[in-house]
Amino acid sequence: MQTVVLDTNALLMPFEVRINLDLALKELLGEVRCVVPGPLIGELKHLDHKYSKAALGLARKYEIVQTALSGDDAVIETAVSTGGYILTNDKDLRAKARKQRIPLIYLRSGNHLIVETIR
């Protein structure tokens, strides 16, 4: 079973663009294990965004993985340690993941997820 690491941006996606992450990921990869780096819970608690509370509730539905790092570094560390994909639309995080050859999933055309293959 593949692991998908969700970042803050991914947790906000279902509320911003009305996409069902579980269903979209299942269509893309089959059964997956979604995880959220622990520091992102604190990030969501302090985020000034109209959907931050809903995203926090969604994050708690998934497995929380503890890490000493924060932000993008926590997401990358979790993806490396689990051998998983990163789901994000954050351009900076995507660039960092590409440098480390971590497979990515992101929103294309505002309505569907795609997998970026590693070259």
N, C-alpha and C. Protein backbone atom coordinates (compact mmCIF):
# COMPACT_ATOMS: atom_id res chain seq x y z
N MET A 1 0.84 -1.18 0.00
CA MET A 1 0.00 0.00 0.00
C MET A 1 0.89 1.25 0.00
N GLN A 2 0.58 2.17 -0.89
CA GLN A 2 1.34 3.42 -0.98
C GLN A 2 0.99 4.37 0.16
N THR A 3 1.96 5.17 0.56
CA THR A 3 1.73 6.21 1.58
C THR A 3 1.70 7.56 0.88
N VAL A 4 0.77 8.41 1.30
CA VAL A 4 0.68 9.78 0.78
C VAL A 4 0.78 10.72 1.98
N VAL A 5 1.77 11.61 1.93
CA VAL A 5 1.98 12.60 2.98
C VAL A 5 1.25 13.87 2.57
N LEU A 6 0.35 14.33 3.43
CA LEU A 6 -0.43 15.53 3.15
C LEU A 6 0.21 16.74 3.82
N ASP A 7 0.34 17.83 3.09
CA ASP A 7 0.81 19.06 3.70
C ASP A 7 -0.40 19.95 3.99
N THR A 8 -0.16 21.10 4.58
CA THR A 8 -1.25 22.02 4.94
C THR A 8 -2.08 22.38 3.72
N ASN A 9 -1.42 22.66 2.62
CA ASN A 9 -2.10 23.02 1.38
C ASN A 9 -3.07 21.91 0.94
N ALA A 10 -2.63 20.67 1.04
CA ALA A 10 -3.46 19.53 0.65
C ALA A 10 -4.67 19.39 1.56
N LEU A 11 -4.48 19.67 2.84
CA LEU A 11 -5.58 19.55 3.80
C LEU A 11 -6.64 20.64 3.59
N LEU A 12 -6.26 21.75 2.99
CA LEU A 12 -7.21 22.82 2.69
C LEU A 12 -7.95 22.59 1.37
N MET A 13 -7.33 21.80 0.48
CA MET A 13 -7.88 21.56 -0.87
C MET A 13 -9.35 21.14 -0.91
N PRO A 14 -9.77 20.16 -0.09
CA PRO A 14 -11.16 19.71 -0.19
C PRO A 14 -12.17 20.83 0.06
N PHE A 15 -11.78 21.81 0.85
CA PHE A 15 -12.70 22.89 1.21
C PHE A 15 -12.61 24.06 0.24
N GLU A 16 -11.44 24.25 -0.36
CA GLU A 16 -11.26 25.34 -1.32
C GLU A 16 -11.77 24.99 -2.71
N VAL A 17 -11.55 23.76 -3.15
CA VAL A 17 -11.93 23.39 -4.52
C VAL A 17 -12.93 22.23 -4.58
N ARG A 18 -13.45 21.84 -3.43
CA ARG A 18 -14.49 20.80 -3.38
C ARG A 18 -14.05 19.49 -4.04
N ILE A 19 -12.95 18.95 -3.54
CA ILE A 19 -12.47 17.66 -4.04
C ILE A 19 -12.43 16.68 -2.87
N ASN A 20 -12.86 15.46 -3.11
CA ASN A 20 -12.81 14.42 -2.10
C ASN A 20 -11.44 13.75 -2.20
N LEU A 21 -10.54 14.06 -1.27
CA LEU A 21 -9.17 13.55 -1.34
C LEU A 21 -9.11 12.03 -1.31
N ASP A 22 -9.88 11.42 -0.43
CA ASP A 22 -9.84 9.96 -0.31
C ASP A 22 -10.24 9.30 -1.62
N LEU A 23 -11.32 9.77 -2.22
CA LEU A 23 -11.81 9.20 -3.47
C LEU A 23 -10.83 9.47 -4.62
N ALA A 24 -10.34 10.70 -4.70
CA ALA A 24 -9.40 11.07 -5.77
C ALA A 24 -8.11 10.26 -5.67
N LEU A 25 -7.60 10.06 -4.46
CA LEU A 25 -6.38 9.28 -4.28
C LEU A 25 -6.62 7.80 -4.59
N LYS A 26 -7.79 7.30 -4.23
CA LYS A 26 -8.11 5.90 -4.53
C LYS A 26 -8.18 5.67 -6.03
N GLU A 27 -8.76 6.62 -6.76
CA GLU A 27 -8.84 6.51 -8.22
C GLU A 27 -7.45 6.56 -8.85
N LEU A 28 -6.56 7.34 -8.24
CA LEU A 28 -5.21 7.54 -8.77
C LEU A 28 -4.27 6.37 -8.46
N LEU A 29 -4.28 5.91 -7.20
CA LEU A 29 -3.29 4.94 -6.74
C LEU A 29 -3.87 3.65 -6.15
N GLY A 30 -5.17 3.56 -6.04
CA GLY A 30 -5.76 2.43 -5.33
C GLY A 30 -5.80 2.75 -3.84
N GLU A 31 -5.77 1.70 -3.02
CA GLU A 31 -5.80 1.92 -1.57
C GLU A 31 -4.50 2.60 -1.13
N VAL A 32 -4.63 3.68 -0.36
CA VAL A 32 -3.46 4.39 0.13
C VAL A 32 -3.57 4.62 1.64
N ARG A 33 -2.43 4.88 2.23
CA ARG A 33 -2.35 5.26 3.65
C ARG A 33 -1.98 6.75 3.65
N CYS A 34 -2.87 7.58 4.16
CA CYS A 34 -2.58 9.02 4.24
C CYS A 34 -2.04 9.35 5.63
N VAL A 35 -0.97 10.13 5.64
CA VAL A 35 -0.36 10.55 6.91
C VAL A 35 -0.16 12.06 6.91
N VAL A 36 -0.14 12.62 8.13
CA VAL A 36 0.07 14.05 8.30
C VAL A 36 1.21 14.22 9.30
N PRO A 37 2.26 14.97 8.95
CA PRO A 37 3.33 15.24 9.91
C PRO A 37 2.77 16.00 11.12
N GLY A 38 3.13 15.57 12.32
CA GLY A 38 2.62 16.17 13.56
C GLY A 38 2.69 17.69 13.64
N PRO A 39 3.81 18.31 13.24
CA PRO A 39 3.89 19.77 13.35
C PRO A 39 2.83 20.53 12.54
N LEU A 40 2.24 19.88 11.54
CA LEU A 40 1.22 20.55 10.74
C LEU A 40 -0.07 20.76 11.53
N ILE A 41 -0.29 19.96 12.56
CA ILE A 41 -1.47 20.13 13.41
C ILE A 41 -1.38 21.50 14.10
N GLY A 42 -0.21 21.81 14.67
CA GLY A 42 0.00 23.12 15.30
C GLY A 42 -0.10 24.25 14.30
N GLU A 43 0.42 24.01 13.10
CA GLU A 43 0.36 25.01 12.03
C GLU A 43 -1.10 25.33 11.69
N LEU A 44 -1.93 24.31 11.58
CA LEU A 44 -3.34 24.52 11.27
C LEU A 44 -4.08 25.22 12.39
N LYS A 45 -3.69 24.93 13.64
CA LYS A 45 -4.34 25.57 14.79
C LYS A 45 -4.12 27.08 14.78
N HIS A 46 -2.97 27.51 14.28
CA HIS A 46 -2.62 28.93 14.30
C HIS A 46 -2.81 29.63 12.95
N LEU A 47 -3.27 28.90 11.97
CA LEU A 47 -3.45 29.45 10.62
C LEU A 47 -4.67 30.34 10.57
N ASP A 48 -4.51 31.52 10.00
CA ASP A 48 -5.63 32.45 9.83
C ASP A 48 -6.23 32.23 8.45
N HIS A 49 -7.09 31.23 8.34
CA HIS A 49 -7.71 30.87 7.07
C HIS A 49 -9.13 30.43 7.37
N LYS A 50 -10.06 30.76 6.50
CA LYS A 50 -11.46 30.45 6.81
C LYS A 50 -11.75 28.96 6.90
N TYR A 51 -10.89 28.11 6.30
CA TYR A 51 -11.10 26.67 6.36
C TYR A 51 -10.12 25.95 7.29
N SER A 52 -9.36 26.69 8.08
CA SER A 52 -8.34 26.04 8.91
C SER A 52 -8.94 25.07 9.93
N LYS A 53 -10.09 25.40 10.51
CA LYS A 53 -10.72 24.50 11.48
C LYS A 53 -11.19 23.22 10.81
N ALA A 54 -11.77 23.34 9.63
CA ALA A 54 -12.23 22.16 8.88
C ALA A 54 -11.03 21.30 8.47
N ALA A 55 -9.94 21.94 8.03
CA ALA A 55 -8.73 21.21 7.63
C ALA A 55 -8.11 20.49 8.84
N LEU A 56 -8.18 21.12 10.01
CA LEU A 56 -7.67 20.50 11.23
C LEU A 56 -8.48 19.23 11.54
N GLY A 57 -9.77 19.30 11.39
CA GLY A 57 -10.62 18.13 11.60
C GLY A 57 -10.28 17.01 10.62
N LEU A 58 -10.04 17.38 9.38
CA LEU A 58 -9.66 16.40 8.36
C LEU A 58 -8.31 15.77 8.69
N ALA A 59 -7.36 16.59 9.12
CA ALA A 59 -6.01 16.10 9.45
C ALA A 59 -6.08 15.06 10.56
N ARG A 60 -6.95 15.27 11.52
CA ARG A 60 -7.06 14.34 12.66
C ARG A 60 -7.67 13.01 12.27
N LYS A 61 -8.29 12.96 11.10
CA LYS A 61 -8.88 11.72 10.58
C LYS A 61 -7.77 10.76 10.11
N TYR A 62 -6.62 11.33 9.75
CA TYR A 62 -5.52 10.54 9.22
C TYR A 62 -4.50 10.24 10.31
N GLU A 63 -3.55 9.35 9.98
CA GLU A 63 -2.48 9.01 10.91
C GLU A 63 -1.53 10.19 11.06
N ILE A 64 -1.23 10.55 12.30
CA ILE A 64 -0.31 11.65 12.59
C ILE A 64 1.07 11.04 12.85
N VAL A 65 2.07 11.52 12.10
CA VAL A 65 3.44 11.00 12.23
C VAL A 65 4.29 12.07 12.90
N GLN A 66 4.91 11.70 14.02
CA GLN A 66 5.73 12.67 14.75
C GLN A 66 7.07 12.88 14.08
N THR A 67 7.53 14.11 14.09
CA THR A 67 8.82 14.49 13.54
C THR A 67 9.34 15.70 14.31
N ALA A 68 10.66 15.81 14.43
CA ALA A 68 11.27 16.93 15.15
C ALA A 68 11.33 18.18 14.28
N LEU A 69 11.17 18.00 12.98
CA LEU A 69 11.26 19.13 12.06
C LEU A 69 9.91 19.82 11.93
N SER A 70 9.87 20.95 11.21
CA SER A 70 8.60 21.66 11.03
C SER A 70 8.44 22.08 9.57
N GLY A 71 7.23 22.49 9.23
CA GLY A 71 6.94 22.99 7.89
C GLY A 71 7.27 22.00 6.79
N ASP A 72 7.83 22.54 5.69
CA ASP A 72 8.18 21.72 4.53
C ASP A 72 9.16 20.61 4.89
N ASP A 73 10.09 20.90 5.80
CA ASP A 73 11.09 19.89 6.20
C ASP A 73 10.42 18.68 6.85
N ALA A 74 9.37 18.91 7.62
CA ALA A 74 8.64 17.81 8.25
C ALA A 74 7.94 16.96 7.20
N VAL A 75 7.38 17.61 6.18
CA VAL A 75 6.69 16.89 5.11
C VAL A 75 7.70 16.04 4.33
N ILE A 76 8.83 16.63 3.99
CA ILE A 76 9.86 15.91 3.23
C ILE A 76 10.42 14.75 4.05
N GLU A 77 10.74 15.00 5.32
CA GLU A 77 11.27 13.93 6.18
C GLU A 77 10.27 12.76 6.27
N THR A 78 8.99 13.08 6.41
CA THR A 78 7.97 12.04 6.52
C THR A 78 7.87 11.25 5.22
N ALA A 79 7.93 11.93 4.09
CA ALA A 79 7.87 11.24 2.79
C ALA A 79 9.08 10.33 2.60
N VAL A 80 10.25 10.81 2.99
CA VAL A 80 11.47 10.00 2.84
C VAL A 80 11.40 8.78 3.77
N SER A 81 10.99 8.98 5.01
CA SER A 81 10.97 7.87 5.98
C SER A 81 9.90 6.83 5.66
N THR A 82 8.82 7.24 4.99
CA THR A 82 7.75 6.29 4.64
C THR A 82 7.84 5.80 3.20
N GLY A 83 8.74 6.41 2.42
CA GLY A 83 8.82 6.06 1.00
C GLY A 83 7.58 6.49 0.24
N GLY A 84 6.94 7.55 0.73
CA GLY A 84 5.65 7.97 0.18
C GLY A 84 5.70 9.12 -0.80
N TYR A 85 4.53 9.41 -1.31
CA TYR A 85 4.30 10.56 -2.18
C TYR A 85 4.02 11.78 -1.29
N ILE A 86 4.21 12.97 -1.85
CA ILE A 86 3.78 14.20 -1.19
C ILE A 86 2.62 14.76 -2.01
N LEU A 87 1.51 15.06 -1.33
CA LEU A 87 0.37 15.71 -1.98
C LEU A 87 0.39 17.17 -1.58
N THR A 88 0.62 18.05 -2.56
CA THR A 88 0.67 19.49 -2.30
C THR A 88 0.52 20.26 -3.60
N ASN A 89 0.09 21.50 -3.47
CA ASN A 89 0.12 22.42 -4.60
C ASN A 89 1.10 23.56 -4.32
N ASP A 90 1.83 23.45 -3.22
CA ASP A 90 2.82 24.46 -2.83
C ASP A 90 4.04 24.36 -3.75
N LYS A 91 4.29 25.42 -4.51
CA LYS A 91 5.38 25.38 -5.51
C LYS A 91 6.75 25.20 -4.89
N ASP A 92 7.00 25.85 -3.75
CA ASP A 92 8.31 25.72 -3.10
C ASP A 92 8.53 24.29 -2.61
N LEU A 93 7.51 23.71 -1.99
CA LEU A 93 7.62 22.34 -1.50
C LEU A 93 7.79 21.37 -2.67
N ARG A 94 7.07 21.60 -3.76
CA ARG A 94 7.22 20.73 -4.93
C ARG A 94 8.64 20.79 -5.47
N ALA A 95 9.23 21.98 -5.51
CA ALA A 95 10.61 22.12 -6.00
C ALA A 95 11.58 21.37 -5.09
N LYS A 96 11.40 21.50 -3.77
CA LYS A 96 12.27 20.79 -2.82
C LYS A 96 12.13 19.27 -2.98
N ALA A 97 10.90 18.81 -3.16
CA ALA A 97 10.65 17.38 -3.32
C ALA A 97 11.29 16.86 -4.60
N ARG A 98 11.19 17.64 -5.67
CA ARG A 98 11.80 17.21 -6.95
C ARG A 98 13.31 17.05 -6.80
N LYS A 99 13.96 17.96 -6.08
CA LYS A 99 15.40 17.88 -5.87
C LYS A 99 15.78 16.59 -5.15
N GLN A 100 14.89 16.11 -4.28
CA GLN A 100 15.17 14.88 -3.54
C GLN A 100 14.52 13.66 -4.20
N ARG A 101 13.96 13.87 -5.38
CA ARG A 101 13.35 12.79 -6.16
C ARG A 101 12.21 12.09 -5.42
N ILE A 102 11.41 12.88 -4.70
CA ILE A 102 10.23 12.37 -4.01
C ILE A 102 9.04 12.51 -4.96
N PRO A 103 8.28 11.44 -5.18
CA PRO A 103 7.14 11.54 -6.09
C PRO A 103 6.06 12.48 -5.55
N LEU A 104 5.44 13.19 -6.47
CA LEU A 104 4.46 14.21 -6.12
C LEU A 104 3.08 13.90 -6.66
N ILE A 105 2.08 14.39 -5.94
CA ILE A 105 0.70 14.41 -6.42
C ILE A 105 0.23 15.84 -6.22
N TYR A 106 -0.41 16.39 -7.25
CA TYR A 106 -0.92 17.75 -7.09
C TYR A 106 -2.16 17.97 -7.94
N LEU A 107 -2.82 19.08 -7.67
CA LEU A 107 -4.07 19.43 -8.34
C LEU A 107 -3.77 20.02 -9.71
N ARG A 108 -4.43 19.50 -10.71
CA ARG A 108 -4.26 20.00 -12.08
C ARG A 108 -5.60 20.56 -12.54
N SER A 109 -5.57 21.70 -13.18
CA SER A 109 -6.76 22.36 -13.73
C SER A 109 -7.84 22.62 -12.67
N GLY A 110 -7.43 22.67 -11.41
CA GLY A 110 -8.36 23.00 -10.34
C GLY A 110 -9.41 21.96 -10.02
N ASN A 111 -9.33 20.76 -10.66
CA ASN A 111 -10.41 19.81 -10.40
C ASN A 111 -10.00 18.34 -10.31
N HIS A 112 -8.74 18.00 -10.58
CA HIS A 112 -8.34 16.60 -10.45
C HIS A 112 -6.86 16.49 -10.07
N LEU A 113 -6.54 15.38 -9.42
CA LEU A 113 -5.17 15.14 -8.98
C LEU A 113 -4.40 14.37 -10.03
N ILE A 114 -3.12 14.67 -10.14
CA ILE A 114 -2.25 13.90 -11.03
C ILE A 114 -0.98 13.51 -10.27
N VAL A 115 -0.35 12.44 -10.74
CA VAL A 115 0.93 11.98 -10.18
C VAL A 115 2.03 12.48 -11.10
N GLU A 116 3.05 13.06 -10.51
CA GLU A 116 4.21 13.47 -11.29
C GLU A 116 5.25 12.36 -11.19
N THR A 117 5.60 11.81 -12.32
CA THR A 117 6.60 10.75 -12.32
C THR A 117 7.99 11.33 -12.17
N ILE A 118 8.86 10.57 -11.56
CA ILE A 118 10.24 11.02 -11.34
C ILE A 118 11.06 10.60 -12.55
N ARG A 119 11.78 11.57 -13.09
CA ARG A 119 12.61 11.29 -14.27
C ARG A 119 14.01 10.96 -13.85
